Amino acid sequence: MNNQVLYEFLPYHHGMDWVLIFLFGLVLVLGLGIYYFLYRSPMEGNMRKLIAMLLGFGLIMALGSGLFRAFSLWKLQPIEIYRDRVVLPSGVALFRNLDDFGLKGTKRTSIADPNLVRDSMRYLMLFEKGGKTHVLSEGDYPIDSIYAKLEKANE
């Protein structure tokens, strides 16, 4: 195996992602504070239970969203292309084991007007002979550049 990196691609790290994680944490702390004072308040009956239930549900949503986004950011690793393999976040793919690779796009259309595209996303897909598939999103990586370098390295 050749250990010299031919090309390296870093993932896009959106600054807003860390701000969102911070805001989810802030909402969690504030919500827990409100939850604590709510149980110490003299409010009677079902209203306190309803507010506590809704606040608890909101806290669970904020915590889950923040943790899952932080985990997905942690999983984004640099992509390295060597002469004989490509190192991806999902594992190592040897060129001799690659069956095919290519770009694929998806489009979401409007329910009211099928001709109106609401959003679209493109993916770089690498198919290994054993059936394993590696997928990279254009939202996380420069897939056009990676595709061009993969073609060049796989010649």
N, C-alpha and C. Protein backbone atom coordinates (compact mmCIF):
# COMPACT_ATOMS: atom_id res chain seq x y z
N MET A 1 0.83 -1.19 0.00
CA MET A 1 0.00 0.00 0.00
C MET A 1 0.87 1.24 0.00
N ASN A 2 0.47 2.16 -0.82
CA ASN A 2 1.17 3.44 -0.90
C ASN A 2 0.60 4.36 0.17
N ASN A 3 1.45 4.93 0.99
CA ASN A 3 0.98 5.76 2.11
C ASN A 3 1.04 7.25 1.82
N GLN A 4 1.24 7.63 0.58
CA GLN A 4 1.28 9.05 0.23
C GLN A 4 -0.11 9.51 -0.19
N VAL A 5 -0.62 10.54 0.50
CA VAL A 5 -1.93 11.08 0.17
C VAL A 5 -1.83 11.89 -1.11
N LEU A 6 -2.63 11.51 -2.10
CA LEU A 6 -2.65 12.28 -3.35
C LEU A 6 -3.53 13.51 -3.20
N TYR A 7 -4.71 13.33 -2.66
CA TYR A 7 -5.67 14.43 -2.50
C TYR A 7 -6.36 14.30 -1.16
N GLU A 8 -6.65 15.43 -0.56
CA GLU A 8 -7.39 15.45 0.70
C GLU A 8 -8.48 16.50 0.61
N PHE A 9 -9.66 16.14 1.04
CA PHE A 9 -10.81 17.04 1.01
C PHE A 9 -11.39 17.16 2.41
N LEU A 10 -11.50 18.38 2.87
CA LEU A 10 -12.07 18.63 4.19
C LEU A 10 -13.57 18.87 4.07
N PRO A 11 -14.34 18.44 5.06
CA PRO A 11 -15.78 18.68 5.02
C PRO A 11 -16.09 20.15 5.26
N TYR A 12 -17.25 20.55 4.76
CA TYR A 12 -17.72 21.89 5.06
C TYR A 12 -18.17 21.92 6.52
N HIS A 13 -17.66 22.85 7.28
CA HIS A 13 -18.15 23.03 8.65
C HIS A 13 -18.86 24.36 8.69
N HIS A 14 -20.14 24.29 8.83
CA HIS A 14 -20.95 25.48 8.87
C HIS A 14 -20.90 26.07 10.27
N GLY A 15 -20.52 27.33 10.38
CA GLY A 15 -20.44 27.98 11.67
C GLY A 15 -21.77 28.02 12.39
N MET A 16 -22.85 28.09 11.64
CA MET A 16 -24.18 28.14 12.24
C MET A 16 -24.53 26.85 12.98
N ASP A 17 -23.92 25.73 12.59
CA ASP A 17 -24.20 24.48 13.27
C ASP A 17 -23.81 24.55 14.74
N TRP A 18 -22.65 25.10 15.02
CA TRP A 18 -22.20 25.20 16.41
C TRP A 18 -23.05 26.22 17.17
N VAL A 19 -23.49 27.26 16.49
CA VAL A 19 -24.38 28.22 17.13
C VAL A 19 -25.71 27.55 17.50
N LEU A 20 -26.23 26.73 16.59
CA LEU A 20 -27.48 26.01 16.87
C LEU A 20 -27.32 25.05 18.04
N ILE A 21 -26.20 24.36 18.10
CA ILE A 21 -25.96 23.45 19.22
C ILE A 21 -25.91 24.24 20.52
N PHE A 22 -25.26 25.40 20.51
CA PHE A 22 -25.20 26.25 21.70
C PHE A 22 -26.61 26.71 22.09
N LEU A 23 -27.41 27.11 21.08
CA LEU A 23 -28.77 27.55 21.38
C LEU A 23 -29.63 26.42 21.94
N PHE A 24 -29.46 25.20 21.41
CA PHE A 24 -30.20 24.07 21.96
C PHE A 24 -29.82 23.84 23.42
N GLY A 25 -28.54 23.98 23.73
CA GLY A 25 -28.09 23.84 25.12
C GLY A 25 -28.66 24.93 26.00
N LEU A 26 -28.69 26.16 25.48
CA LEU A 26 -29.24 27.27 26.23
C LEU A 26 -30.74 27.07 26.50
N VAL A 27 -31.46 26.62 25.49
CA VAL A 27 -32.89 26.32 25.65
C VAL A 27 -33.07 25.23 26.70
N LEU A 28 -32.20 24.23 26.67
CA LEU A 28 -32.29 23.15 27.64
C LEU A 28 -32.10 23.67 29.07
N VAL A 29 -31.09 24.50 29.29
CA VAL A 29 -30.83 25.04 30.63
C VAL A 29 -31.98 25.94 31.08
N LEU A 30 -32.42 26.83 30.20
CA LEU A 30 -33.53 27.71 30.56
C LEU A 30 -34.81 26.92 30.82
N GLY A 31 -35.05 25.93 30.01
CA GLY A 31 -36.24 25.11 30.19
C GLY A 31 -36.22 24.34 31.50
N LEU A 32 -35.05 23.82 31.86
CA LEU A 32 -34.94 23.12 33.15
C LEU A 32 -35.18 24.08 34.31
N GLY A 33 -34.68 25.32 34.18
CA GLY A 33 -34.93 26.33 35.21
C GLY A 33 -36.41 26.65 35.34
N ILE A 34 -37.08 26.84 34.21
CA ILE A 34 -38.52 27.11 34.23
C ILE A 34 -39.28 25.92 34.81
N TYR A 35 -38.87 24.73 34.42
CA TYR A 35 -39.49 23.51 34.92
C TYR A 35 -39.37 23.43 36.44
N TYR A 36 -38.19 23.77 36.98
CA TYR A 36 -37.98 23.75 38.43
C TYR A 36 -38.89 24.76 39.13
N PHE A 37 -38.93 25.99 38.62
CA PHE A 37 -39.77 27.01 39.26
C PHE A 37 -41.26 26.73 39.08
N LEU A 38 -41.60 26.06 38.00
CA LEU A 38 -42.99 25.70 37.77
C LEU A 38 -43.49 24.74 38.86
N TYR A 39 -42.66 23.80 39.24
CA TYR A 39 -43.06 22.86 40.28
C TYR A 39 -43.06 23.48 41.67
N ARG A 40 -42.38 24.59 41.82
CA ARG A 40 -42.39 25.26 43.12
C ARG A 40 -43.50 26.32 43.18
N SER A 41 -44.17 26.58 42.08
CA SER A 41 -45.20 27.62 42.06
C SER A 41 -46.49 27.11 42.72
N PRO A 42 -47.33 28.03 43.15
CA PRO A 42 -48.58 27.63 43.81
C PRO A 42 -49.71 27.31 42.82
N MET A 43 -49.41 27.19 41.52
CA MET A 43 -50.44 26.92 40.51
C MET A 43 -51.11 25.57 40.81
N GLU A 44 -52.40 25.50 40.63
CA GLU A 44 -53.16 24.31 40.99
C GLU A 44 -53.66 23.56 39.75
N GLY A 45 -53.98 22.31 39.94
CA GLY A 45 -54.74 21.54 38.97
C GLY A 45 -53.97 21.09 37.75
N ASN A 46 -54.76 20.91 36.69
CA ASN A 46 -54.23 20.35 35.46
C ASN A 46 -53.38 21.32 34.66
N MET A 47 -53.51 22.63 34.90
CA MET A 47 -52.74 23.60 34.13
C MET A 47 -51.24 23.42 34.38
N ARG A 48 -50.85 23.20 35.60
CA ARG A 48 -49.43 23.01 35.90
C ARG A 48 -48.93 21.73 35.24
N LYS A 49 -49.73 20.69 35.26
CA LYS A 49 -49.33 19.43 34.63
C LYS A 49 -49.20 19.58 33.13
N LEU A 50 -50.12 20.32 32.52
CA LEU A 50 -50.08 20.54 31.08
C LEU A 50 -48.84 21.34 30.69
N ILE A 51 -48.58 22.41 31.39
CA ILE A 51 -47.40 23.24 31.09
C ILE A 51 -46.12 22.43 31.31
N ALA A 52 -46.07 21.65 32.38
CA ALA A 52 -44.90 20.83 32.65
C ALA A 52 -44.69 19.78 31.54
N MET A 53 -45.78 19.18 31.09
CA MET A 53 -45.68 18.18 30.03
C MET A 53 -45.18 18.80 28.72
N LEU A 54 -45.74 19.95 28.35
CA LEU A 54 -45.30 20.61 27.11
C LEU A 54 -43.86 21.07 27.21
N LEU A 55 -43.48 21.60 28.35
CA LEU A 55 -42.10 22.04 28.55
C LEU A 55 -41.15 20.86 28.51
N GLY A 56 -41.52 19.76 29.12
CA GLY A 56 -40.69 18.55 29.09
C GLY A 56 -40.52 18.03 27.68
N PHE A 57 -41.59 18.03 26.91
CA PHE A 57 -41.50 17.60 25.52
C PHE A 57 -40.57 18.51 24.72
N GLY A 58 -40.68 19.81 24.92
CA GLY A 58 -39.80 20.76 24.24
C GLY A 58 -38.34 20.57 24.62
N LEU A 59 -38.09 20.27 25.89
CA LEU A 59 -36.72 20.04 26.34
C LEU A 59 -36.13 18.77 25.72
N ILE A 60 -36.94 17.74 25.63
CA ILE A 60 -36.46 16.50 25.00
C ILE A 60 -36.14 16.75 23.52
N MET A 61 -36.98 17.51 22.84
CA MET A 61 -36.73 17.83 21.43
C MET A 61 -35.44 18.65 21.28
N ALA A 62 -35.24 19.64 22.13
CA ALA A 62 -34.03 20.47 22.06
C ALA A 62 -32.79 19.64 22.34
N LEU A 63 -32.85 18.80 23.34
CA LEU A 63 -31.70 17.97 23.68
C LEU A 63 -31.38 17.00 22.55
N GLY A 64 -32.39 16.33 22.03
CA GLY A 64 -32.17 15.38 20.94
C GLY A 64 -31.63 16.05 19.69
N SER A 65 -32.18 17.20 19.33
CA SER A 65 -31.71 17.91 18.14
C SER A 65 -30.26 18.34 18.29
N GLY A 66 -29.92 18.89 19.44
CA GLY A 66 -28.55 19.33 19.67
C GLY A 66 -27.57 18.18 19.66
N LEU A 67 -27.92 17.08 20.34
CA LEU A 67 -27.01 15.93 20.39
C LEU A 67 -26.84 15.28 19.03
N PHE A 68 -27.92 15.12 18.28
CA PHE A 68 -27.81 14.48 16.97
C PHE A 68 -27.04 15.34 15.98
N ARG A 69 -27.21 16.65 16.05
CA ARG A 69 -26.44 17.52 15.15
C ARG A 69 -24.96 17.52 15.53
N ALA A 70 -24.65 17.54 16.82
CA ALA A 70 -23.26 17.48 17.26
C ALA A 70 -22.63 16.15 16.82
N PHE A 71 -23.37 15.06 16.92
CA PHE A 71 -22.86 13.76 16.49
C PHE A 71 -22.60 13.73 15.00
N SER A 72 -23.49 14.31 14.21
CA SER A 72 -23.28 14.31 12.76
C SER A 72 -22.09 15.18 12.37
N LEU A 73 -21.85 16.27 13.08
CA LEU A 73 -20.66 17.08 12.82
C LEU A 73 -19.40 16.33 13.20
N TRP A 74 -19.46 15.56 14.27
CA TRP A 74 -18.30 14.80 14.70
C TRP A 74 -17.96 13.70 13.70
N LYS A 75 -18.99 13.14 13.04
CA LYS A 75 -18.78 12.06 12.08
C LYS A 75 -18.17 12.53 10.76
N LEU A 76 -18.25 13.83 10.46
CA LEU A 76 -17.67 14.34 9.22
C LEU A 76 -16.15 14.37 9.35
N GLN A 77 -15.48 13.54 8.58
CA GLN A 77 -14.03 13.43 8.61
C GLN A 77 -13.47 13.79 7.23
N PRO A 78 -12.19 14.17 7.16
CA PRO A 78 -11.58 14.44 5.86
C PRO A 78 -11.59 13.19 4.98
N ILE A 79 -11.65 13.42 3.69
CA ILE A 79 -11.59 12.34 2.71
C ILE A 79 -10.20 12.37 2.10
N GLU A 80 -9.53 11.22 2.11
CA GLU A 80 -8.17 11.12 1.57
C GLU A 80 -8.17 10.13 0.42
N ILE A 81 -7.56 10.55 -0.69
CA ILE A 81 -7.44 9.68 -1.85
C ILE A 81 -5.97 9.31 -2.01
N TYR A 82 -5.71 8.02 -2.01
CA TYR A 82 -4.37 7.47 -2.22
C TYR A 82 -4.33 6.87 -3.61
N ARG A 83 -3.20 6.33 -4.00
CA ARG A 83 -3.07 5.73 -5.32
C ARG A 83 -3.90 4.45 -5.44
N ASP A 84 -4.11 3.74 -4.32
CA ASP A 84 -4.80 2.45 -4.38
C ASP A 84 -6.11 2.40 -3.59
N ARG A 85 -6.45 3.48 -2.89
CA ARG A 85 -7.65 3.45 -2.05
C ARG A 85 -8.15 4.86 -1.78
N VAL A 86 -9.36 4.92 -1.26
CA VAL A 86 -9.93 6.18 -0.80
C VAL A 86 -10.45 5.96 0.62
N VAL A 87 -10.07 6.87 1.52
CA VAL A 87 -10.48 6.78 2.92
C VAL A 87 -11.66 7.72 3.12
N LEU A 88 -12.79 7.14 3.50
CA LEU A 88 -14.05 7.86 3.67
C LEU A 88 -14.49 7.78 5.12
N PRO A 89 -15.43 8.63 5.55
CA PRO A 89 -15.95 8.51 6.91
C PRO A 89 -16.59 7.14 7.18
N SER A 90 -17.09 6.49 6.15
CA SER A 90 -17.76 5.20 6.31
C SER A 90 -16.80 4.02 6.17
N GLY A 91 -15.52 4.28 5.95
CA GLY A 91 -14.55 3.20 5.83
C GLY A 91 -13.58 3.42 4.68
N VAL A 92 -12.77 2.41 4.44
CA VAL A 92 -11.76 2.45 3.38
C VAL A 92 -12.28 1.65 2.19
N ALA A 93 -12.20 2.26 1.00
CA ALA A 93 -12.60 1.58 -0.22
C ALA A 93 -11.38 1.45 -1.13
N LEU A 94 -10.95 0.21 -1.37
CA LEU A 94 -9.84 -0.04 -2.28
C LEU A 94 -10.33 0.09 -3.71
N PHE A 95 -9.50 0.66 -4.56
CA PHE A 95 -9.90 0.85 -5.96
C PHE A 95 -10.16 -0.49 -6.64
N ARG A 96 -9.43 -1.52 -6.28
CA ARG A 96 -9.64 -2.83 -6.92
C ARG A 96 -10.98 -3.44 -6.52
N ASN A 97 -11.55 -2.98 -5.38
CA ASN A 97 -12.86 -3.48 -4.93
C ASN A 97 -14.02 -2.61 -5.37
N LEU A 98 -13.71 -1.46 -5.98
CA LEU A 98 -14.79 -0.57 -6.43
C LEU A 98 -15.43 -1.12 -7.69
N ASP A 99 -16.72 -1.22 -7.67
CA ASP A 99 -17.47 -1.66 -8.84
C ASP A 99 -17.76 -0.46 -9.74
N ASP A 100 -18.17 0.64 -9.13
CA ASP A 100 -18.50 1.84 -9.89
C ASP A 100 -18.62 3.00 -8.91
N PHE A 101 -18.54 4.21 -9.44
CA PHE A 101 -18.83 5.41 -8.65
C PHE A 101 -19.37 6.47 -9.58
N GLY A 102 -20.21 7.34 -9.04
CA GLY A 102 -20.80 8.37 -9.87
C GLY A 102 -21.62 9.35 -9.05
N LEU A 103 -22.09 10.38 -9.74
CA LEU A 103 -22.90 11.42 -9.12
C LEU A 103 -24.38 11.12 -9.37
N LYS A 104 -25.19 11.32 -8.36
CA LYS A 104 -26.63 11.11 -8.49
C LYS A 104 -27.34 12.28 -7.83
N GLY A 105 -28.40 12.73 -8.45
CA GLY A 105 -29.16 13.85 -7.91
C GLY A 105 -30.57 13.42 -7.53
N THR A 106 -31.09 14.09 -6.52
CA THR A 106 -32.48 13.87 -6.14
C THR A 106 -33.19 15.22 -6.14
N LYS A 107 -34.47 15.18 -6.46
CA LYS A 107 -35.28 16.40 -6.47
C LYS A 107 -36.57 16.14 -5.72
N ARG A 108 -36.97 17.12 -4.93
CA ARG A 108 -38.27 17.07 -4.27
C ARG A 108 -39.16 18.09 -4.94
N THR A 109 -40.28 17.63 -5.43
CA THR A 109 -41.20 18.53 -6.12
C THR A 109 -42.34 18.93 -5.22
N SER A 110 -43.02 19.96 -5.62
CA SER A 110 -44.18 20.44 -4.89
C SER A 110 -45.35 19.48 -5.09
N ILE A 111 -46.15 19.31 -4.06
CA ILE A 111 -47.33 18.45 -4.17
C ILE A 111 -48.37 19.07 -5.09
N ALA A 112 -48.52 20.39 -5.02
CA ALA A 112 -49.51 21.08 -5.83
C ALA A 112 -49.10 21.16 -7.30
N ASP A 113 -47.80 21.39 -7.55
CA ASP A 113 -47.31 21.52 -8.92
C ASP A 113 -46.08 20.62 -9.10
N PRO A 114 -46.23 19.46 -9.72
CA PRO A 114 -45.10 18.53 -9.88
C PRO A 114 -43.95 19.10 -10.70
N ASN A 115 -44.18 20.15 -11.46
CA ASN A 115 -43.11 20.75 -12.25
C ASN A 115 -42.26 21.72 -11.44
N LEU A 116 -42.72 22.06 -10.26
CA LEU A 116 -42.00 22.99 -9.39
C LEU A 116 -41.11 22.20 -8.43
N VAL A 117 -39.79 22.40 -8.57
CA VAL A 117 -38.83 21.71 -7.72
C VAL A 117 -38.64 22.51 -6.43
N ARG A 118 -38.94 21.88 -5.29
CA ARG A 118 -38.79 22.56 -3.99
C ARG A 118 -37.34 22.60 -3.56
N ASP A 119 -36.65 21.49 -3.63
CA ASP A 119 -35.22 21.46 -3.32
C ASP A 119 -34.59 20.25 -4.00
N SER A 120 -33.28 20.31 -4.14
CA SER A 120 -32.56 19.21 -4.77
C SER A 120 -31.23 19.02 -4.05
N MET A 121 -30.70 17.82 -4.15
CA MET A 121 -29.43 17.50 -3.53
C MET A 121 -28.71 16.50 -4.43
N ARG A 122 -27.40 16.65 -4.51
CA ARG A 122 -26.60 15.72 -5.30
C ARG A 122 -25.70 14.92 -4.36
N TYR A 123 -25.43 13.68 -4.78
CA TYR A 123 -24.63 12.77 -3.97
C TYR A 123 -23.56 12.13 -4.83
N LEU A 124 -22.41 11.86 -4.22
CA LEU A 124 -21.37 11.04 -4.83
C LEU A 124 -21.50 9.66 -4.21
N MET A 125 -21.71 8.66 -5.05
CA MET A 125 -21.92 7.30 -4.56
C MET A 125 -20.80 6.40 -5.07
N LEU A 126 -20.21 5.64 -4.15
CA LEU A 126 -19.17 4.67 -4.48
C LEU A 126 -19.71 3.28 -4.15
N PHE A 127 -19.73 2.41 -5.14
CA PHE A 127 -20.27 1.06 -4.98
C PHE A 127 -19.12 0.06 -4.97
N GLU A 128 -19.03 -0.71 -3.90
CA GLU A 128 -18.01 -1.76 -3.82
C GLU A 128 -18.59 -3.08 -4.30
N LYS A 129 -17.72 -4.00 -4.72
CA LYS A 129 -18.16 -5.28 -5.27
C LYS A 129 -18.90 -6.12 -4.25
N GLY A 130 -18.60 -5.99 -2.98
CA GLY A 130 -19.28 -6.77 -1.95
C GLY A 130 -20.66 -6.26 -1.61
N GLY A 131 -21.09 -5.16 -2.23
CA GLY A 131 -22.42 -4.63 -1.97
C GLY A 131 -22.43 -3.40 -1.07
N LYS A 132 -21.28 -3.04 -0.52
CA LYS A 132 -21.24 -1.86 0.34
C LYS A 132 -21.26 -0.60 -0.51
N THR A 133 -22.01 0.40 -0.05
CA THR A 133 -22.13 1.66 -0.76
C THR A 133 -21.71 2.80 0.15
N HIS A 134 -20.88 3.69 -0.36
CA HIS A 134 -20.46 4.88 0.37
C HIS A 134 -21.13 6.07 -0.30
N VAL A 135 -21.75 6.94 0.49
CA VAL A 135 -22.49 8.08 -0.04
C VAL A 135 -21.96 9.37 0.60
N LEU A 136 -21.66 10.36 -0.24
CA LEU A 136 -21.21 11.67 0.21
C LEU A 136 -22.17 12.72 -0.34
N SER A 137 -22.60 13.63 0.50
CA SER A 137 -23.55 14.66 0.11
C SER A 137 -22.83 15.93 -0.30
N GLU A 138 -23.42 16.66 -1.26
CA GLU A 138 -22.83 17.93 -1.67
C GLU A 138 -22.98 18.99 -0.59
N GLY A 139 -23.84 18.76 0.38
CA GLY A 139 -23.97 19.68 1.50
C GLY A 139 -22.83 19.58 2.49
N ASP A 140 -22.10 18.45 2.44
CA ASP A 140 -21.01 18.23 3.39
C ASP A 140 -19.63 18.25 2.75
N TYR A 141 -19.53 17.93 1.47
CA TYR A 141 -18.23 17.81 0.79
C TYR A 141 -18.30 18.40 -0.61
N PRO A 142 -17.14 18.81 -1.16
CA PRO A 142 -17.09 19.27 -2.56
C PRO A 142 -17.08 18.06 -3.51
N ILE A 143 -18.24 17.49 -3.78
CA ILE A 143 -18.31 16.21 -4.47
C ILE A 143 -17.84 16.28 -5.93
N ASP A 144 -17.99 17.43 -6.59
CA ASP A 144 -17.51 17.53 -7.97
C ASP A 144 -16.00 17.38 -8.02
N SER A 145 -15.30 18.02 -7.10
CA SER A 145 -13.84 17.92 -7.05
C SER A 145 -13.41 16.51 -6.67
N ILE A 146 -14.10 15.92 -5.72
CA ILE A 146 -13.76 14.55 -5.29
C ILE A 146 -13.97 13.58 -6.45
N TYR A 147 -15.06 13.75 -7.18
CA TYR A 147 -15.34 12.87 -8.32
C TYR A 147 -14.24 12.98 -9.38
N ALA A 148 -13.84 14.20 -9.69
CA ALA A 148 -12.78 14.41 -10.70
C ALA A 148 -11.47 13.77 -10.25
N LYS A 149 -11.13 13.93 -9.00
CA LYS A 149 -9.87 13.35 -8.48
C LYS A 149 -9.96 11.83 -8.38
N LEU A 150 -11.14 11.31 -8.07
CA LEU A 150 -11.31 9.84 -8.06
C LEU A 150 -11.11 9.26 -9.45
N GLU A 151 -11.66 9.91 -10.45
CA GLU A 151 -11.46 9.43 -11.83
C GLU A 151 -10.00 9.46 -12.21
N LYS A 152 -9.33 10.52 -11.82
CA LYS A 152 -7.90 10.67 -12.14
C LYS A 152 -7.06 9.63 -11.42
N ALA A 153 -7.34 9.37 -10.14
CA ALA A 153 -6.56 8.41 -9.35
C ALA A 153 -6.89 6.97 -9.73
N ASN A 154 -8.08 6.72 -10.24
CA ASN A 154 -8.51 5.35 -10.56
C ASN A 154 -8.09 4.92 -11.97
N GLU A 155 -7.45 5.78 -12.72
CA GLU A 155 -7.03 5.43 -14.10
C GLU A 155 -5.97 4.36 -14.12
